[in-house]
Amino acid sequence: MENTVKADVNLAKEMGLTEEEFNQIKKLMGRDPNFTELGVFSAMWSEHCSYKNSRKQFRHFPTKGKQVLVGAGEENSGIVDIGDGLGVAFKIESHNHPSAVEPFEASATGIGGCLRDIFTTGARPVAGLGALRFGSLDNEKVKFLFKEVIRGLAHYANIAEINAVGGETYFDESYEGNPLVMPLA
């Protein structure tokens, strides 16, 4: 397939890149990327991997302060001092589009990533939460996505022996084709 598909700005846009990003890739490489290279850039520069759209919102989170031991974005998870020599580690992931494609696997790896990033700080996860958004439950595809996302989150949390202690779910037609799946540990 790589030899038959031209990696151009139109393909870049289909892969979720902007024209400016495509031009930046060409400048970085000193040539046009091939199909595989463009796919790698698309994945690595995606919202999921690089937070290219939400990064500007991160500045609203505290990263310094008396209670902030590890600020958001400094390590795998943020850590806040709660007194008496104790800290609490928090981590959130977004697995939105992947959950529209492979709902069980994507939601499971979403909560798994949260737990992994807390473990890597030396902390022990004790609870999981989730913020979920789906289209109308009158739609059979949405029913399937909802069931499989919940099953994936529960499966991974159960294997890791982490209690799901709460969360929220909201249904609106604006999420019909692409659910919002945000596990938190």
N, C-alpha and C. Protein backbone atom coordinates (compact mmCIF):
# COMPACT_ATOMS: atom_id res chain seq x y z
N MET A 1 0.82 -1.18 0.00
CA MET A 1 0.00 0.00 0.00
C MET A 1 0.87 1.25 0.00
N GLU A 2 1.98 1.21 0.71
CA GLU A 2 2.84 2.38 0.84
C GLU A 2 3.29 2.89 -0.52
N ASN A 3 3.57 2.00 -1.46
CA ASN A 3 4.06 2.42 -2.78
C ASN A 3 2.96 3.01 -3.64
N THR A 4 1.69 2.75 -3.33
CA THR A 4 0.60 3.22 -4.18
C THR A 4 -0.08 4.48 -3.65
N VAL A 5 0.13 4.83 -2.40
CA VAL A 5 -0.52 5.99 -1.80
C VAL A 5 0.49 7.11 -1.65
N LYS A 6 0.18 8.25 -2.26
CA LYS A 6 1.08 9.40 -2.17
C LYS A 6 0.82 10.14 -0.86
N ALA A 7 1.87 10.37 -0.11
CA ALA A 7 1.76 11.11 1.15
C ALA A 7 1.83 12.60 0.82
N ASP A 8 0.66 13.22 0.73
CA ASP A 8 0.60 14.64 0.43
C ASP A 8 -0.26 15.33 1.49
N VAL A 9 -0.49 16.63 1.29
CA VAL A 9 -1.22 17.41 2.28
C VAL A 9 -2.65 16.89 2.45
N ASN A 10 -3.26 16.36 1.39
CA ASN A 10 -4.62 15.82 1.51
C ASN A 10 -4.66 14.59 2.40
N LEU A 11 -3.68 13.70 2.22
CA LEU A 11 -3.60 12.52 3.09
C LEU A 11 -3.30 12.95 4.52
N ALA A 12 -2.42 13.93 4.67
CA ALA A 12 -2.10 14.44 6.01
C ALA A 12 -3.37 14.92 6.71
N LYS A 13 -4.21 15.64 5.99
CA LYS A 13 -5.47 16.13 6.58
C LYS A 13 -6.39 14.97 6.94
N GLU A 14 -6.44 13.94 6.08
CA GLU A 14 -7.25 12.75 6.39
C GLU A 14 -6.75 12.08 7.67
N MET A 15 -5.45 12.18 7.91
CA MET A 15 -4.84 11.56 9.10
C MET A 15 -4.91 12.48 10.32
N GLY A 16 -5.55 13.64 10.20
CA GLY A 16 -5.72 14.52 11.35
C GLY A 16 -4.67 15.59 11.51
N LEU A 17 -3.79 15.74 10.53
CA LEU A 17 -2.77 16.78 10.58
C LEU A 17 -3.25 18.01 9.82
N THR A 18 -2.69 19.15 10.16
CA THR A 18 -3.01 20.38 9.44
C THR A 18 -2.00 20.59 8.32
N GLU A 19 -2.31 21.51 7.43
CA GLU A 19 -1.38 21.84 6.35
C GLU A 19 -0.07 22.38 6.93
N GLU A 20 -0.17 23.19 7.98
CA GLU A 20 1.03 23.72 8.64
C GLU A 20 1.89 22.60 9.21
N GLU A 21 1.24 21.60 9.83
CA GLU A 21 1.98 20.46 10.38
C GLU A 21 2.65 19.66 9.27
N PHE A 22 1.94 19.47 8.16
CA PHE A 22 2.52 18.75 7.02
C PHE A 22 3.77 19.48 6.53
N ASN A 23 3.69 20.80 6.41
CA ASN A 23 4.85 21.58 5.96
C ASN A 23 5.99 21.51 6.98
N GLN A 24 5.66 21.48 8.27
CA GLN A 24 6.68 21.35 9.31
C GLN A 24 7.38 19.99 9.22
N ILE A 25 6.62 18.94 8.94
CA ILE A 25 7.20 17.60 8.77
C ILE A 25 8.19 17.60 7.61
N LYS A 26 7.78 18.18 6.50
CA LYS A 26 8.66 18.25 5.33
C LYS A 26 9.94 19.02 5.66
N LYS A 27 9.81 20.10 6.41
CA LYS A 27 10.98 20.90 6.79
C LYS A 27 11.89 20.10 7.73
N LEU A 28 11.30 19.42 8.71
CA LEU A 28 12.09 18.61 9.65
C LEU A 28 12.85 17.50 8.94
N MET A 29 12.19 16.86 7.96
CA MET A 29 12.79 15.71 7.27
C MET A 29 13.67 16.14 6.09
N GLY A 30 13.48 17.36 5.61
CA GLY A 30 14.23 17.81 4.45
C GLY A 30 13.72 17.18 3.15
N ARG A 31 12.52 16.60 3.20
CA ARG A 31 11.91 15.94 2.03
C ARG A 31 10.46 15.64 2.38
N ASP A 32 9.72 15.17 1.39
CA ASP A 32 8.35 14.72 1.64
C ASP A 32 8.38 13.40 2.41
N PRO A 33 7.51 13.25 3.39
CA PRO A 33 7.45 11.96 4.10
C PRO A 33 6.78 10.91 3.22
N ASN A 34 7.09 9.64 3.49
CA ASN A 34 6.35 8.57 2.81
C ASN A 34 5.09 8.26 3.63
N PHE A 35 4.28 7.32 3.15
CA PHE A 35 3.02 6.98 3.80
C PHE A 35 3.21 6.58 5.26
N THR A 36 4.16 5.71 5.52
CA THR A 36 4.39 5.22 6.89
C THR A 36 4.88 6.34 7.79
N GLU A 37 5.80 7.14 7.33
CA GLU A 37 6.32 8.26 8.13
C GLU A 37 5.21 9.24 8.47
N LEU A 38 4.35 9.53 7.50
CA LEU A 38 3.24 10.44 7.75
C LEU A 38 2.30 9.85 8.80
N GLY A 39 2.07 8.54 8.74
CA GLY A 39 1.24 7.88 9.74
C GLY A 39 1.82 7.97 11.13
N VAL A 40 3.14 7.83 11.24
CA VAL A 40 3.80 7.94 12.54
C VAL A 40 3.64 9.36 13.09
N PHE A 41 3.88 10.37 12.25
CA PHE A 41 3.69 11.75 12.70
C PHE A 41 2.24 11.99 13.11
N SER A 42 1.31 11.46 12.34
CA SER A 42 -0.10 11.63 12.66
C SER A 42 -0.42 11.06 14.04
N ALA A 43 0.10 9.90 14.33
CA ALA A 43 -0.14 9.29 15.64
C ALA A 43 0.54 10.07 16.76
N MET A 44 1.81 10.38 16.56
CA MET A 44 2.57 11.04 17.63
C MET A 44 2.14 12.49 17.86
N TRP A 45 1.64 13.14 16.83
CA TRP A 45 1.18 14.52 16.98
C TRP A 45 -0.33 14.60 17.18
N SER A 46 -0.96 13.48 17.50
CA SER A 46 -2.41 13.47 17.72
C SER A 46 -2.74 14.06 19.08
N GLU A 47 -3.98 14.36 19.27
CA GLU A 47 -4.44 14.86 20.58
C GLU A 47 -4.12 13.83 21.66
N HIS A 48 -4.31 12.56 21.34
CA HIS A 48 -4.09 11.51 22.32
C HIS A 48 -2.64 11.47 22.81
N CYS A 49 -1.68 11.61 21.90
CA CYS A 49 -0.27 11.51 22.29
C CYS A 49 0.36 12.84 22.66
N SER A 50 -0.04 13.92 22.02
CA SER A 50 0.67 15.18 22.25
C SER A 50 -0.22 16.28 22.84
N TYR A 51 -1.49 16.01 23.00
CA TYR A 51 -2.43 17.02 23.52
C TYR A 51 -2.35 18.32 22.74
N LYS A 52 -2.25 18.20 21.40
CA LYS A 52 -2.02 19.38 20.58
C LYS A 52 -3.14 20.41 20.68
N ASN A 53 -4.36 20.01 20.96
CA ASN A 53 -5.46 20.96 21.08
C ASN A 53 -5.72 21.39 22.52
N SER A 54 -5.51 20.52 23.48
CA SER A 54 -5.82 20.85 24.87
C SER A 54 -4.63 21.37 25.66
N ARG A 55 -3.43 21.28 25.09
CA ARG A 55 -2.23 21.73 25.81
C ARG A 55 -2.37 23.17 26.31
N LYS A 56 -3.00 24.03 25.50
CA LYS A 56 -3.14 25.44 25.90
C LYS A 56 -4.02 25.58 27.14
N GLN A 57 -4.87 24.59 27.41
CA GLN A 57 -5.71 24.63 28.61
C GLN A 57 -4.94 24.21 29.87
N PHE A 58 -3.84 23.49 29.68
CA PHE A 58 -3.08 23.01 30.83
C PHE A 58 -2.53 24.14 31.69
N ARG A 59 -2.32 25.31 31.10
CA ARG A 59 -1.76 26.43 31.88
C ARG A 59 -2.70 26.87 33.00
N HIS A 60 -3.94 26.44 32.95
CA HIS A 60 -4.91 26.79 33.99
C HIS A 60 -4.76 25.91 35.24
N PHE A 61 -3.98 24.83 35.13
CA PHE A 61 -3.78 23.94 36.27
C PHE A 61 -2.56 24.38 37.07
N PRO A 62 -2.65 24.32 38.39
CA PRO A 62 -1.47 24.72 39.19
C PRO A 62 -0.34 23.71 39.04
N THR A 63 0.85 24.20 38.80
CA THR A 63 2.02 23.34 38.72
C THR A 63 3.05 23.71 39.77
N LYS A 64 2.80 24.78 40.47
CA LYS A 64 3.70 25.24 41.53
C LYS A 64 2.85 25.64 42.73
N GLY A 65 3.41 25.54 43.88
CA GLY A 65 2.69 25.95 45.08
C GLY A 65 3.11 25.11 46.27
N LYS A 66 2.72 25.57 47.43
CA LYS A 66 3.11 24.92 48.68
C LYS A 66 2.66 23.45 48.72
N GLN A 67 1.48 23.17 48.23
CA GLN A 67 0.94 21.81 48.28
C GLN A 67 1.27 20.96 47.05
N VAL A 68 1.80 21.56 46.00
CA VAL A 68 2.09 20.81 44.78
C VAL A 68 3.48 20.20 44.87
N LEU A 69 3.53 18.88 45.01
CA LEU A 69 4.81 18.18 45.06
C LEU A 69 5.34 17.90 43.66
N VAL A 70 4.46 17.48 42.76
CA VAL A 70 4.79 17.26 41.36
C VAL A 70 3.66 17.88 40.55
N GLY A 71 3.99 18.88 39.75
CA GLY A 71 2.97 19.57 38.97
C GLY A 71 2.51 18.78 37.77
N ALA A 72 1.33 19.14 37.31
CA ALA A 72 0.78 18.50 36.11
C ALA A 72 1.74 18.65 34.95
N GLY A 73 2.02 17.55 34.29
CA GLY A 73 2.89 17.57 33.13
C GLY A 73 4.37 17.40 33.44
N GLU A 74 4.77 17.45 34.71
CA GLU A 74 6.18 17.30 35.05
C GLU A 74 6.61 15.84 35.02
N GLU A 75 5.77 14.97 35.47
CA GLU A 75 6.04 13.53 35.52
C GLU A 75 4.83 12.80 34.97
N ASN A 76 4.71 11.55 35.30
CA ASN A 76 3.59 10.76 34.81
C ASN A 76 2.26 11.14 35.43
N SER A 77 2.26 11.58 36.68
CA SER A 77 1.03 12.04 37.32
C SER A 77 1.38 13.17 38.27
N GLY A 78 0.40 14.00 38.55
CA GLY A 78 0.60 15.08 39.51
C GLY A 78 0.48 14.55 40.93
N ILE A 79 1.20 15.18 41.86
CA ILE A 79 1.14 14.76 43.26
C ILE A 79 0.94 15.99 44.13
N VAL A 80 -0.04 15.89 45.03
CA VAL A 80 -0.38 17.00 45.91
C VAL A 80 -0.14 16.56 47.35
N ASP A 81 0.51 17.43 48.14
CA ASP A 81 0.76 17.19 49.56
C ASP A 81 -0.54 17.36 50.33
N ILE A 82 -0.94 16.33 51.10
CA ILE A 82 -2.16 16.44 51.90
C ILE A 82 -1.85 16.49 53.40
N GLY A 83 -0.58 16.67 53.73
CA GLY A 83 -0.19 16.81 55.12
C GLY A 83 0.27 15.51 55.75
N ASP A 84 0.90 15.63 56.91
CA ASP A 84 1.39 14.47 57.67
C ASP A 84 2.30 13.56 56.85
N GLY A 85 3.08 14.16 55.94
CA GLY A 85 4.01 13.39 55.13
C GLY A 85 3.37 12.56 54.05
N LEU A 86 2.11 12.83 53.74
CA LEU A 86 1.38 12.07 52.73
C LEU A 86 1.11 12.91 51.49
N GLY A 87 1.08 12.25 50.36
CA GLY A 87 0.73 12.90 49.10
C GLY A 87 -0.29 12.07 48.35
N VAL A 88 -1.01 12.71 47.47
CA VAL A 88 -1.99 12.03 46.64
C VAL A 88 -1.60 12.25 45.18
N ALA A 89 -1.52 11.16 44.45
CA ALA A 89 -1.20 11.22 43.01
C ALA A 89 -2.50 11.13 42.22
N PHE A 90 -2.62 11.96 41.19
CA PHE A 90 -3.79 11.98 40.32
C PHE A 90 -3.36 11.82 38.88
N LYS A 91 -4.16 11.14 38.10
CA LYS A 91 -3.88 11.00 36.68
C LYS A 91 -5.20 10.89 35.93
N ILE A 92 -5.28 11.56 34.79
CA ILE A 92 -6.46 11.46 33.92
C ILE A 92 -5.96 11.19 32.51
N GLU A 93 -6.70 10.41 31.76
CA GLU A 93 -6.37 10.13 30.37
C GLU A 93 -7.61 10.39 29.53
N SER A 94 -7.42 10.63 28.28
CA SER A 94 -8.55 10.72 27.36
C SER A 94 -8.40 9.62 26.31
N HIS A 95 -9.44 8.87 26.14
CA HIS A 95 -9.45 7.81 25.14
C HIS A 95 -10.73 7.94 24.32
N ASN A 96 -10.87 9.11 23.70
CA ASN A 96 -12.10 9.43 23.00
C ASN A 96 -12.24 8.68 21.69
N HIS A 97 -11.53 9.10 20.66
CA HIS A 97 -11.68 8.45 19.37
C HIS A 97 -11.32 6.96 19.41
N PRO A 98 -10.24 6.59 20.12
CA PRO A 98 -9.97 5.14 20.20
C PRO A 98 -11.16 4.35 20.74
N SER A 99 -11.93 4.94 21.64
CA SER A 99 -13.09 4.24 22.19
C SER A 99 -14.23 4.14 21.20
N ALA A 100 -14.26 5.01 20.19
CA ALA A 100 -15.26 4.88 19.13
C ALA A 100 -14.91 3.75 18.19
N VAL A 101 -13.62 3.41 18.11
CA VAL A 101 -13.14 2.39 17.19
C VAL A 101 -13.07 1.02 17.88
N GLU A 102 -12.43 0.96 19.03
CA GLU A 102 -12.28 -0.28 19.81
C GLU A 102 -12.66 0.03 21.26
N PRO A 103 -13.94 0.10 21.58
CA PRO A 103 -14.37 0.60 22.89
C PRO A 103 -13.85 -0.18 24.10
N PHE A 104 -13.86 -1.50 24.04
CA PHE A 104 -13.38 -2.28 25.18
C PHE A 104 -11.89 -2.05 25.39
N GLU A 105 -11.11 -2.24 24.34
CA GLU A 105 -9.65 -2.13 24.44
C GLU A 105 -9.21 -0.72 24.79
N ALA A 106 -9.81 0.27 24.15
CA ALA A 106 -9.40 1.67 24.38
C ALA A 106 -9.72 2.13 25.79
N SER A 107 -10.89 1.79 26.28
CA SER A 107 -11.23 2.22 27.64
C SER A 107 -10.38 1.46 28.67
N ALA A 108 -10.10 0.20 28.41
CA ALA A 108 -9.24 -0.57 29.32
C ALA A 108 -7.84 0.02 29.37
N THR A 109 -7.28 0.35 28.21
CA THR A 109 -5.93 0.93 28.22
C THR A 109 -5.94 2.36 28.76
N GLY A 110 -7.09 3.03 28.69
CA GLY A 110 -7.19 4.37 29.29
C GLY A 110 -7.03 4.31 30.80
N ILE A 111 -7.79 3.45 31.45
CA ILE A 111 -7.65 3.33 32.91
C ILE A 111 -6.31 2.70 33.24
N GLY A 112 -5.84 1.79 32.38
CA GLY A 112 -4.52 1.18 32.60
C GLY A 112 -3.41 2.21 32.58
N GLY A 113 -3.49 3.17 31.66
CA GLY A 113 -2.49 4.23 31.60
C GLY A 113 -2.50 5.10 32.85
N CYS A 114 -3.69 5.37 33.36
CA CYS A 114 -3.79 6.14 34.61
C CYS A 114 -3.10 5.39 35.75
N LEU A 115 -3.41 4.12 35.88
CA LEU A 115 -2.83 3.32 36.96
C LEU A 115 -1.31 3.21 36.80
N ARG A 116 -0.84 2.95 35.58
CA ARG A 116 0.60 2.85 35.30
C ARG A 116 1.32 4.13 35.72
N ASP A 117 0.76 5.27 35.35
CA ASP A 117 1.43 6.54 35.62
C ASP A 117 1.46 6.87 37.12
N ILE A 118 0.51 6.36 37.86
CA ILE A 118 0.55 6.53 39.32
C ILE A 118 1.57 5.57 39.93
N PHE A 119 1.56 4.31 39.47
CA PHE A 119 2.54 3.34 39.97
C PHE A 119 3.98 3.84 39.74
N THR A 120 4.23 4.49 38.60
CA THR A 120 5.60 4.91 38.29
C THR A 120 6.11 6.02 39.20
N THR A 121 5.21 6.66 39.94
CA THR A 121 5.65 7.68 40.91
C THR A 121 5.98 7.04 42.26
N GLY A 122 5.72 5.75 42.37
CA GLY A 122 5.92 5.07 43.65
C GLY A 122 4.67 5.03 44.50
N ALA A 123 3.59 5.58 43.98
CA ALA A 123 2.33 5.60 44.72
C ALA A 123 1.52 4.34 44.40
N ARG A 124 0.47 4.12 45.15
CA ARG A 124 -0.41 2.97 44.95
C ARG A 124 -1.81 3.49 44.66
N PRO A 125 -2.34 3.25 43.44
CA PRO A 125 -3.70 3.69 43.14
C PRO A 125 -4.70 3.01 44.08
N VAL A 126 -5.69 3.75 44.53
CA VAL A 126 -6.68 3.19 45.44
C VAL A 126 -8.10 3.28 44.88
N ALA A 127 -8.32 4.12 43.87
CA ALA A 127 -9.67 4.29 43.35
C ALA A 127 -9.64 4.83 41.93
N GLY A 128 -10.69 4.53 41.21
CA GLY A 128 -10.85 5.04 39.85
C GLY A 128 -12.18 5.75 39.71
N LEU A 129 -12.19 6.70 38.81
CA LEU A 129 -13.40 7.46 38.47
C LEU A 129 -13.49 7.52 36.95
N GLY A 130 -14.56 8.05 36.44
CA GLY A 130 -14.65 8.23 35.01
C GLY A 130 -15.64 9.31 34.64
N ALA A 131 -15.31 10.06 33.60
CA ALA A 131 -16.23 11.02 33.00
C ALA A 131 -16.51 10.53 31.59
N LEU A 132 -17.76 10.21 31.31
CA LEU A 132 -18.12 9.59 30.04
C LEU A 132 -19.23 10.38 29.36
N ARG A 133 -19.12 10.51 28.05
CA ARG A 133 -20.14 11.18 27.25
C ARG A 133 -20.46 10.30 26.04
N PHE A 134 -21.74 10.09 25.81
CA PHE A 134 -22.18 9.27 24.69
C PHE A 134 -23.36 9.94 24.00
N GLY A 135 -23.64 9.50 22.79
CA GLY A 135 -24.82 9.95 22.06
C GLY A 135 -26.08 9.35 22.69
N SER A 136 -27.15 9.39 21.95
CA SER A 136 -28.44 8.90 22.43
C SER A 136 -28.45 7.38 22.55
N LEU A 137 -28.99 6.89 23.64
CA LEU A 137 -29.12 5.44 23.83
C LEU A 137 -30.21 4.83 22.95
N ASP A 138 -30.89 5.65 22.17
CA ASP A 138 -31.83 5.13 21.17
C ASP A 138 -31.08 4.55 19.97
N ASN A 139 -29.81 4.89 19.85
CA ASN A 139 -28.97 4.45 18.75
C ASN A 139 -28.28 3.14 19.14
N GLU A 140 -28.41 2.11 18.34
CA GLU A 140 -27.84 0.79 18.66
C GLU A 140 -26.32 0.84 18.76
N LYS A 141 -25.67 1.61 17.89
CA LYS A 141 -24.20 1.73 17.94
C LYS A 141 -23.77 2.38 19.27
N VAL A 142 -24.50 3.39 19.72
CA VAL A 142 -24.18 4.04 20.99
C VAL A 142 -24.37 3.06 22.15
N LYS A 143 -25.43 2.26 22.10
CA LYS A 143 -25.64 1.24 23.14
C LYS A 143 -24.45 0.29 23.20
N PHE A 144 -23.97 -0.14 22.03
CA PHE A 144 -22.82 -1.03 21.96
C PHE A 144 -21.58 -0.34 22.55
N LEU A 145 -21.30 0.90 22.12
CA LEU A 145 -20.13 1.62 22.63
C LEU A 145 -20.21 1.79 24.14
N PHE A 146 -21.36 2.18 24.64
CA PHE A 146 -21.56 2.38 26.09
C PHE A 146 -21.26 1.09 26.85
N LYS A 147 -21.86 -0.01 26.41
CA LYS A 147 -21.66 -1.30 27.08
C LYS A 147 -20.19 -1.71 27.07
N GLU A 148 -19.54 -1.59 25.92
CA GLU A 148 -18.15 -2.03 25.79
C GLU A 148 -17.17 -1.12 26.52
N VAL A 149 -17.41 0.19 26.53
CA VAL A 149 -16.54 1.10 27.29
C VAL A 149 -16.62 0.77 28.77
N ILE A 150 -17.81 0.62 29.30
CA ILE A 150 -17.99 0.29 30.72
C ILE A 150 -17.32 -1.05 31.02
N ARG A 151 -17.53 -2.03 30.14
CA ARG A 151 -16.93 -3.35 30.33
C ARG A 151 -15.40 -3.26 30.35
N GLY A 152 -14.81 -2.46 29.45
CA GLY A 152 -13.36 -2.30 29.40
C GLY A 152 -12.80 -1.63 30.64
N LEU A 153 -13.45 -0.56 31.08
CA LEU A 153 -13.01 0.13 32.29
C LEU A 153 -13.08 -0.82 33.50
N ALA A 154 -14.20 -1.48 33.65
CA ALA A 154 -14.39 -2.39 34.79
C ALA A 154 -13.41 -3.56 34.74
N HIS A 155 -13.21 -4.12 33.57
CA HIS A 155 -12.31 -5.26 33.43
C HIS A 155 -10.91 -4.92 33.92
N TYR A 156 -10.35 -3.84 33.42
CA TYR A 156 -8.98 -3.49 33.79
C TYR A 156 -8.89 -3.11 35.26
N ALA A 157 -9.85 -2.34 35.74
CA ALA A 157 -9.84 -1.95 37.15
C ALA A 157 -9.95 -3.18 38.06
N ASN A 158 -10.80 -4.13 37.67
CA ASN A 158 -10.94 -5.35 38.48
C ASN A 158 -9.66 -6.17 38.50
N ILE A 159 -9.01 -6.31 37.35
CA ILE A 159 -7.76 -7.06 37.30
C ILE A 159 -6.70 -6.40 38.17
N ALA A 160 -6.67 -5.07 38.17
CA ALA A 160 -5.70 -4.33 38.98
C ALA A 160 -6.14 -4.19 40.43
N GLU A 161 -7.32 -4.71 40.75
CA GLU A 161 -7.89 -4.63 42.09
C GLU A 161 -8.02 -3.19 42.57
N ILE A 162 -8.53 -2.35 41.68
CA ILE A 162 -8.79 -0.94 41.98
C ILE A 162 -10.30 -0.73 41.95
N ASN A 163 -10.85 -0.15 42.98
CA ASN A 163 -12.28 0.10 43.05
C ASN A 163 -12.67 1.29 42.19
N ALA A 164 -13.74 1.12 41.42
CA ALA A 164 -14.35 2.25 40.71
C ALA A 164 -15.33 2.87 41.70
N VAL A 165 -15.01 4.06 42.19
CA VAL A 165 -15.79 4.66 43.27
C VAL A 165 -16.80 5.69 42.79
N GLY A 166 -16.76 6.05 41.54
CA GLY A 166 -17.73 7.03 41.06
C GLY A 166 -17.40 7.50 39.67
N GLY A 167 -18.16 8.47 39.27
CA GLY A 167 -17.97 9.06 37.97
C GLY A 167 -19.26 9.68 37.50
N GLU A 168 -19.27 10.03 36.25
CA GLU A 168 -20.47 10.63 35.69
C GLU A 168 -20.62 10.20 34.24
N THR A 169 -21.85 10.08 33.81
CA THR A 169 -22.15 9.74 32.43
C THR A 169 -23.23 10.69 31.95
N TYR A 170 -23.02 11.20 30.74
CA TYR A 170 -23.95 12.16 30.15
C TYR A 170 -24.23 11.73 28.72
N PHE A 171 -25.47 11.84 28.32
CA PHE A 171 -25.87 11.45 26.97
C PHE A 171 -26.37 12.67 26.20
N ASP A 172 -25.80 12.88 25.03
CA ASP A 172 -26.22 13.98 24.17
C ASP A 172 -25.88 13.60 22.73
N GLU A 173 -26.73 13.97 21.81
CA GLU A 173 -26.52 13.61 20.40
C GLU A 173 -25.21 14.14 19.83
N SER A 174 -24.63 15.18 20.44
CA SER A 174 -23.36 15.72 19.93
C SER A 174 -22.21 14.73 20.07
N TYR A 175 -22.39 13.69 20.89
CA TYR A 175 -21.36 12.67 21.07
C TYR A 175 -21.68 11.40 20.28
N GLU A 176 -22.63 11.48 19.37
CA GLU A 176 -23.13 10.32 18.64
C GLU A 176 -22.02 9.50 17.98
N GLY A 177 -21.13 10.12 17.25
CA GLY A 177 -20.11 9.37 16.53
C GLY A 177 -18.80 9.23 17.25
N ASN A 178 -18.62 9.94 18.33
CA ASN A 178 -17.32 9.96 19.00
C ASN A 178 -17.51 10.19 20.50
N PRO A 179 -17.55 9.12 21.29
CA PRO A 179 -17.77 9.29 22.72
C PRO A 179 -16.56 9.97 23.38
N LEU A 180 -16.80 10.55 24.53
CA LEU A 180 -15.74 11.11 25.35
C LEU A 180 -15.51 10.13 26.49
N VAL A 181 -14.31 9.62 26.62
CA VAL A 181 -13.99 8.62 27.64
C VAL A 181 -12.76 9.12 28.40
N MET A 182 -12.97 9.51 29.65
CA MET A 182 -11.88 10.07 30.45
C MET A 182 -11.80 9.37 31.81
N PRO A 183 -11.00 8.29 31.89
CA PRO A 183 -10.79 7.65 33.18
C PRO A 183 -9.85 8.47 34.05
N LEU A 184 -10.02 8.37 35.34
CA LEU A 184 -9.22 9.10 36.33
C LEU A 184 -8.89 8.15 37.47
N ALA A 185 -7.65 8.17 37.90
CA ALA A 185 -7.25 7.38 39.06
C ALA A 185 -6.47 8.26 40.00
